[in-house]
Amino acid sequence: MPFSTQKKIGQRPEKETVTLQDTLSDTWRVMKPFVRFSVKALKLVAHTLVYIVKHIPKPEEHQPKTKSNKIIKIS
């Protein structure tokens, strides 16, 4: 016959003491995927902004090119 544990009314189980180290390691274990995702997302945004800034056309590029300085007279 299997042994069964009986709980008595009024008895509370002893609470396990939780240290600061346990709390911090548990917090880091939970938050690590979010931190990694946010770092990768920030890198992506930064590289995109650098690409956009590098490819903004310069003001000199929009000036029309002159064909030549020759004057043609039609008479």
C-alpha atoms as a PDB file:
ATOM      1  CA  MET A   1       0.000   0.000   0.000  1.00  0.00           C
ATOM      2  CA  PRO A   2       1.463   3.413  -0.980  1.00  0.00           C
ATOM      3  CA  PHE A   3       2.517   5.770   1.762  1.00  0.00           C
ATOM      4  CA  SER A   4       0.390   8.936   1.854  1.00  0.00           C
ATOM      5  CA  THR A   5       1.281  12.138   3.571  1.00  0.00           C
ATOM      6  CA  GLN A   6      -1.405  13.717   5.628  1.00  0.00           C
ATOM      7  CA  LYS A   7      -1.553  17.451   6.120  1.00  0.00           C
ATOM      8  CA  LYS A   8      -2.629  18.621   9.498  1.00  0.00           C
ATOM      9  CA  ILE A   9      -4.745  21.729   9.922  1.00  0.00           C
ATOM     10  CA  GLY A  10      -2.772  24.647  11.231  1.00  0.00           C
ATOM     11  CA  GLN A  11       0.634  23.505   9.948  1.00  0.00           C
ATOM     12  CA  ARG A  12       2.255  25.623   7.312  1.00  0.00           C
ATOM     13  CA  PRO A  13       5.105  24.426   5.155  1.00  0.00           C
ATOM     14  CA  GLU A  14       8.411  26.086   5.860  1.00  0.00           C
ATOM     15  CA  LYS A  15       9.170  28.882   3.421  1.00  0.00           C
ATOM     16  CA  GLU A  16      12.326  28.638   1.432  1.00  0.00           C
ATOM     17  CA  THR A  17      14.636  31.609   1.946  1.00  0.00           C
ATOM     18  CA  VAL A  18      15.295  33.461  -1.258  1.00  0.00           C
ATOM     19  CA  THR A  19      18.581  35.299  -1.609  1.00  0.00           C
ATOM     20  CA  LEU A  20      19.284  38.352  -3.704  1.00  0.00           C
ATOM     21  CA  GLN A  21      21.501  36.273  -5.986  1.00  0.00           C
ATOM     22  CA  ASP A  22      18.621  33.861  -6.664  1.00  0.00           C
ATOM     23  CA  THR A  23      16.303  36.752  -7.473  1.00  0.00           C
ATOM     24  CA  LEU A  24      18.798  38.412  -9.824  1.00  0.00           C
ATOM     25  CA  SER A  25      19.651  35.207 -11.660  1.00  0.00           C
ATOM     26  CA  ASP A  26      15.975  34.400 -12.119  1.00  0.00           C
ATOM     27  CA  THR A  27      15.269  37.921 -13.378  1.00  0.00           C
ATOM     28  CA  TRP A  28      18.152  37.737 -15.849  1.00  0.00           C
ATOM     29  CA  ARG A  29      17.009  34.310 -17.060  1.00  0.00           C
ATOM     30  CA  VAL A  30      13.554  35.693 -17.787  1.00  0.00           C
ATOM     31  CA  MET A  31      14.676  38.992 -19.343  1.00  0.00           C
ATOM     32  CA  LYS A  32      17.633  37.741 -21.425  1.00  0.00           C
ATOM     33  CA  PRO A  33      15.612  36.977 -24.610  1.00  0.00           C
ATOM     34  CA  PHE A  34      14.010  40.429 -24.518  1.00  0.00           C
ATOM     35  CA  VAL A  35      17.361  42.142 -24.015  1.00  0.00           C
ATOM     36  CA  ARG A  36      18.930  40.225 -26.903  1.00  0.00           C
ATOM     37  CA  PHE A  37      15.997  41.081 -29.178  1.00  0.00           C
ATOM     38  CA  SER A  38      16.112  44.774 -28.306  1.00  0.00           C
ATOM     39  CA  VAL A  39      19.880  44.962 -28.902  1.00  0.00           C
ATOM     40  CA  LYS A  40      19.476  43.365 -32.330  1.00  0.00           C
ATOM     41  CA  ALA A  41      16.572  45.689 -33.156  1.00  0.00           C
ATOM     42  CA  LEU A  42      18.610  48.763 -32.165  1.00  0.00           C
ATOM     43  CA  LYS A  43      21.515  47.589 -34.343  1.00  0.00           C
ATOM     44  CA  LEU A  44      19.147  47.191 -37.276  1.00  0.00           C
ATOM     45  CA  VAL A  45      17.716  50.683 -36.788  1.00  0.00           C
ATOM     46  CA  ALA A  46      21.200  52.193 -36.470  1.00  0.00           C
ATOM     47  CA  HIS A  47      22.478  50.519 -39.642  1.00  0.00           C
ATOM     48  CA  THR A  48      19.356  51.610 -41.508  1.00  0.00           C
ATOM     49  CA  LEU A  49      19.803  55.227 -40.431  1.00  0.00           C
ATOM     50  CA  VAL A  50      23.469  55.200 -41.454  1.00  0.00           C
ATOM     51  CA  TYR A  51      22.513  53.775 -44.867  1.00  0.00           C
ATOM     52  CA  ILE A  52      19.834  56.431 -45.378  1.00  0.00           C
ATOM     53  CA  VAL A  53      22.150  59.287 -44.377  1.00  0.00           C
ATOM     54  CA  LYS A  54      24.940  58.030 -46.660  1.00  0.00           C
ATOM     55  CA  HIS A  55      22.593  57.857 -49.655  1.00  0.00           C
ATOM     56  CA  ILE A  56      21.046  61.327 -49.334  1.00  0.00           C
ATOM     57  CA  PRO A  57      21.889  63.113 -52.573  1.00  0.00           C
ATOM     58  CA  LYS A  58      24.382  65.955 -52.295  1.00  0.00           C
ATOM     59  CA  PRO A  59      23.343  69.469 -53.413  1.00  0.00           C
ATOM     60  CA  GLU A  60      26.067  69.531 -56.107  1.00  0.00           C
ATOM     61  CA  GLU A  61      24.540  66.520 -57.828  1.00  0.00           C
ATOM     62  CA  HIS A  62      21.298  68.347 -58.680  1.00  0.00           C
ATOM     63  CA  GLN A  63      22.853  71.188 -60.698  1.00  0.00           C
ATOM     64  CA  PRO A  64      22.220  70.776 -64.414  1.00  0.00           C
ATOM     65  CA  LYS A  65      25.304  70.145 -66.478  1.00  0.00           C
ATOM     66  CA  THR A  66      26.080  72.749 -69.139  1.00  0.00           C
ATOM     67  CA  LYS A  67      26.599  71.310 -72.592  1.00  0.00           C
ATOM     68  CA  SER A  68      29.132  73.834 -73.849  1.00  0.00           C
ATOM     69  CA  ASN A  69      29.947  77.519 -73.856  1.00  0.00           C
ATOM     70  CA  LYS A  70      29.483  77.907 -77.625  1.00  0.00           C
ATOM     71  CA  ILE A  71      27.027  80.461 -78.905  1.00  0.00           C
ATOM     72  CA  ILE A  72      25.067  79.533 -81.997  1.00  0.00           C
ATOM     73  CA  LYS A  73      23.700  82.396 -84.090  1.00  0.00           C
ATOM     74  CA  ILE A  74      20.845  81.743 -86.417  1.00  0.00           C
ATOM     75  CA  SER A  75      20.405  84.374 -89.096  1.00  0.00           C
END
